[in-house]
Protein backbone atom coordinates (compact mmCIF):
# COMPACT_ATOMS: atom_id res chain seq x y z
CA MET A 1 70.82 100.53 124.24
CA GLU A 2 68.80 98.94 121.49
CA VAL A 3 69.52 100.49 118.11
CA HIS A 4 65.89 101.39 117.50
CA PRO A 5 64.94 104.74 119.09
CA ALA A 6 62.47 104.91 121.95
CA ASN A 7 59.38 105.25 119.77
CA ASN A 8 57.19 105.77 122.82
CA ASP A 9 58.90 109.04 123.72
CA LYS A 10 56.47 111.73 122.57
CA THR A 11 59.00 114.55 122.92
CA LEU A 12 61.47 112.66 120.73
CA ARG A 13 58.85 112.01 118.05
CA ARG A 14 57.74 115.64 118.10
CA LYS A 15 61.28 116.94 117.65
CA ILE A 16 61.98 114.51 114.81
CA HIS A 17 58.80 115.59 113.02
CA ARG A 18 59.70 119.25 113.56
CA ALA A 19 63.13 118.72 111.99
CA GLN A 20 61.55 116.98 109.00
CA TRP A 21 59.02 119.81 108.66
CA ASP A 22 61.87 122.35 108.69
CA GLY A 23 63.59 120.55 105.83
CA VAL A 24 66.45 118.86 107.69
CA LYS A 25 68.06 116.07 105.65
CA ALA A 26 70.37 113.29 106.85
CA VAL A 27 73.36 112.26 104.74
CA GLN A 28 75.43 109.08 105.12
CA VAL A 29 79.00 109.33 103.89
CA GLU A 30 79.78 106.49 101.51
CA GLY A 31 83.46 105.82 100.94
CA LYS A 32 85.97 108.63 101.39
CA LEU A 33 84.69 111.85 102.95
CA ASP A 34 84.69 114.72 100.46
CA GLU A 35 87.37 117.27 101.37
CA GLU A 36 84.99 120.21 100.97
CA ILE A 37 82.45 118.61 103.32
CA LYS A 38 85.23 117.73 105.75
CA GLY A 39 86.37 121.35 105.77
CA LYS A 40 82.85 122.59 106.47
CA ILE A 41 82.46 120.14 109.35
CA GLU A 42 85.83 121.14 110.82
CA GLU A 43 84.75 124.77 110.68
CA ARG A 44 81.53 123.96 112.50
CA CYS A 45 83.43 121.98 115.16
CA ASN A 46 85.31 125.13 116.18
CA LEU A 47 84.96 125.39 119.95
CA LYS A 48 85.01 129.19 119.78
CA GLU A 49 81.69 129.16 117.92
CA TRP A 50 80.32 126.69 120.47
CA ALA A 51 81.51 128.77 123.43
CA ALA A 52 80.08 131.98 121.95
CA ASN A 53 76.61 130.47 122.26
CA ARG A 54 76.99 129.67 125.97
CA LYS A 55 77.16 131.87 129.05
CA GLY A 56 79.42 131.63 132.09
CA ALA A 57 82.19 129.15 132.87
CA GLN A 58 82.15 125.87 130.96
CA ILE A 59 83.32 122.36 131.78
CA HIS A 60 85.40 120.74 129.02
CA LEU A 61 85.82 116.97 129.19
CA THR A 62 87.38 116.62 125.76
CA GLY A 63 88.28 118.45 122.61
CA VAL A 64 86.30 117.86 119.44
CA GLY A 65 88.19 115.56 117.07
CA PRO A 66 85.71 113.81 114.76
CA PHE A 67 88.35 113.00 112.17
CA ASP A 68 90.69 110.99 114.38
CA ASP A 69 91.17 107.43 113.09
CA MET A 70 88.88 108.00 110.10
CA VAL A 71 89.51 104.51 108.71
CA HIS A 72 87.50 103.00 111.56
CA ARG A 73 84.72 105.59 111.60
CA LYS A 74 81.35 105.97 109.88
CA TYR A 75 80.09 109.49 109.24
CA PHE A 76 76.60 110.94 109.05
CA TYR A 77 75.69 114.60 108.92
CA ALA A 78 72.51 116.65 108.68
CA VAL A 79 71.89 119.74 106.57
CA ASP A 80 69.18 122.34 106.99
CA LYS A 81 66.92 123.62 104.21
CA ASN A 82 69.67 126.02 103.11
CA GLY A 83 72.25 123.26 102.81
CA ASN A 84 74.18 124.25 105.93
CA ILE A 85 75.62 121.42 108.03
CA CYS A 86 73.74 121.51 111.33
CA ALA A 87 74.52 118.18 113.05
CA LEU A 88 77.07 115.36 112.95
CA VAL A 89 77.12 111.74 114.12
CA VAL A 90 80.30 109.66 114.06
CA LEU A 91 80.28 105.91 114.75
CA ALA A 92 83.25 103.85 115.92
CA GLN A 93 83.30 100.12 115.19
CA LEU A 94 83.63 97.98 118.32
CA ALA A 95 84.07 94.22 118.58
CA ALA A 96 81.32 92.48 116.61
CA ILE A 97 79.46 91.41 119.75
CA HIS A 98 79.27 95.01 120.99
CA GLY A 99 78.22 96.72 117.76
CA PHE A 100 79.07 100.42 117.49
CA GLN A 101 79.88 103.33 119.75
CA ILE A 102 78.28 106.68 118.97
CA LYS A 103 81.60 108.47 119.27
CA TRP A 104 80.27 111.91 118.46
CA ALA A 105 76.73 113.29 118.32
CA LEU A 106 77.01 117.03 117.77
CA GLU A 107 74.38 119.66 117.11
CA PHE A 108 75.90 122.90 115.87
CA PRO A 109 74.85 126.45 116.84
CA GLY A 110 71.80 127.64 114.92
CA ALA A 111 70.60 124.12 114.06
CA PRO A 112 66.84 123.70 113.55
CA LEU A 113 64.97 122.28 116.53
CA GLY A 114 65.21 118.48 116.57
CA ALA A 115 68.14 118.20 114.14
CA ILE A 116 70.25 116.01 116.44
CA GLU A 117 67.28 113.82 117.40
CA TYR A 118 66.42 113.39 113.73
CA ILE A 119 69.89 112.34 112.60
CA LEU A 120 70.42 110.02 115.58
CA ALA A 121 67.10 108.29 114.92
CA ASN A 122 68.09 107.98 111.27
CA VAL A 123 71.47 106.46 112.15
CA MET A 124 69.95 103.98 114.61
CA LYS A 125 67.40 102.86 112.06
CA LYS A 126 70.16 102.23 109.53
CA LEU A 127 72.08 100.20 112.12
CA GLY A 128 68.98 98.17 112.95
CA ASP A 129 68.24 97.55 109.27
CA ALA A 130 71.83 96.31 108.88
CA GLY A 131 71.32 93.75 111.66
CA VAL A 132 73.14 95.62 114.43
CA ARG A 133 71.29 94.93 117.69
CA SER A 134 73.00 97.29 120.13
CA ALA A 135 75.09 100.44 120.31
CA THR A 136 76.58 102.58 123.06
CA PHE A 137 77.13 106.27 123.67
CA GLY A 138 80.12 105.43 125.87
CA ALA A 139 80.67 106.72 129.39
CA GLY A 140 78.55 109.61 130.61
CA ALA A 141 78.51 111.83 133.69
CA THR A 142 76.70 110.60 136.78
CA GLY A 143 74.63 112.81 139.03
CA SER A 144 76.75 112.13 142.09
CA LEU A 145 80.05 110.63 143.17
CA ARG A 146 80.36 108.33 146.17
CA SER A 147 82.99 106.09 147.68
CA ILE A 148 82.45 102.33 147.45
CA ASP A 149 85.22 100.40 149.16
CA ASN A 150 88.53 100.92 150.98
CA ILE A 151 88.57 104.67 150.52
CA GLY A 152 87.34 107.43 152.79
CA GLY A 153 88.31 110.37 154.92
CA PHE A 154 88.58 114.08 154.29
CA LYS A 155 90.02 113.75 150.77
CA VAL A 156 87.14 111.65 149.51
CA ARG A 157 84.53 113.85 151.15
CA THR A 158 86.18 116.85 149.51
CA LEU A 159 86.14 115.17 146.10
CA GLU A 160 82.51 114.06 146.53
CA LYS A 161 81.41 117.54 147.56
CA THR A 162 83.35 119.17 144.72
CA TYR A 163 82.07 116.80 142.04
CA ASN A 164 78.48 116.84 143.24
CA GLY A 165 78.51 120.64 143.30
CA ILE A 166 79.90 120.79 139.77
CA SER A 167 77.41 118.20 138.53
CA HIS A 168 74.54 120.31 139.86
CA THR A 169 75.92 123.68 138.73
CA PHE A 170 76.88 122.64 135.22
CA HIS A 171 74.01 120.17 134.68
CA LEU A 172 76.41 117.36 133.78
CA THR A 173 73.60 114.82 133.67
CA SER A 174 71.69 116.69 130.95
CA GLN A 175 73.55 114.64 128.35
CA GLY A 176 72.35 111.46 130.05
CA ASP A 177 68.82 112.85 130.12
CA PHE A 178 69.05 113.44 126.38
CA ARG A 179 70.36 109.93 125.77
CA SER A 180 67.53 108.42 127.81
CA LYS A 181 65.11 109.43 125.05
CA PHE A 182 66.71 106.71 122.95
CA GLY A 183 66.14 103.93 125.47
CA ILE A 184 69.64 103.63 126.90
CA GLU A 185 70.52 101.60 129.98
CA GLN A 186 73.06 103.42 132.17
CA ASP A 187 75.84 101.23 133.59
CA PRO A 188 77.77 102.45 136.66
CA LEU A 189 81.32 103.68 136.15
CA TYR A 190 84.02 102.81 138.69
CA ILE A 191 87.36 104.55 139.28
CA CYS A 192 90.22 102.88 141.19
CA TYR A 193 93.13 104.73 142.80
CA PRO A 194 96.41 103.17 144.01
CA LYS A 195 97.46 103.77 147.59
CA GLY A 196 98.41 107.41 147.95
CA GLY A 197 97.26 108.07 144.40
CA LEU A 198 94.70 110.76 145.20
CA GLY A 199 95.46 113.83 147.27
CA LEU A 200 94.26 117.41 147.52
CA LYS A 201 96.80 118.45 144.88
CA GLY A 202 95.36 115.81 142.59
CA ILE A 203 91.85 117.12 143.13
CA GLU A 204 93.02 120.65 142.29
CA VAL A 205 94.67 119.40 139.08
CA ILE A 206 91.52 117.53 138.02
CA MET A 207 89.38 120.64 138.51
CA GLY A 208 91.89 122.79 136.65
CA VAL A 209 91.98 120.46 133.65
CA LEU A 210 88.19 120.31 133.42
CA GLN A 211 87.96 124.07 133.01
CA MET A 212 90.96 124.38 130.70
CA PRO A 213 90.09 125.38 127.09
CA LYS A 214 90.77 122.53 124.66
């Protein structure tokens, strides 16, 4: 995606203006992250708080570890009008030609409407002003899974049906819909299996891991 937000998206602009109206402020961490701020962010990244604000079974693709490899990260966070941390963006430096990856873009429970849109737009503007021409959110969920070459049969049909059902039930593409507001271009993601590398047991393990608390 280009580092400048999709300025033509009216919903995005409206949410950004709402966050500004509600007193949300964006903060860029310069130098070493203050230990007190780090502690507050870690507290907000607690998955129990996140899960308490959601109903039913949840799909977990990863734990939340914003402070892994801090030396190669850039940190931005947003605070509400009361000074509470309400959103976090963490950038990872890629090869110079590829710019940055938005490693984490988190909006915490109780955040004012538009907080995550506001801080992401702020971060992208800073990247653009610094001469960075592109950034990536990394891999995202696709709406459906389908076989491409040299793979088929009952196992693949089972995996396709299982994944497509989960994608629909848990709205896995909602993250991609959110990202599209910022003008991203979605690249396809391919998975290769060695001969005999995917069986029904493997499918069961994959599904079990996805629903395992991190």
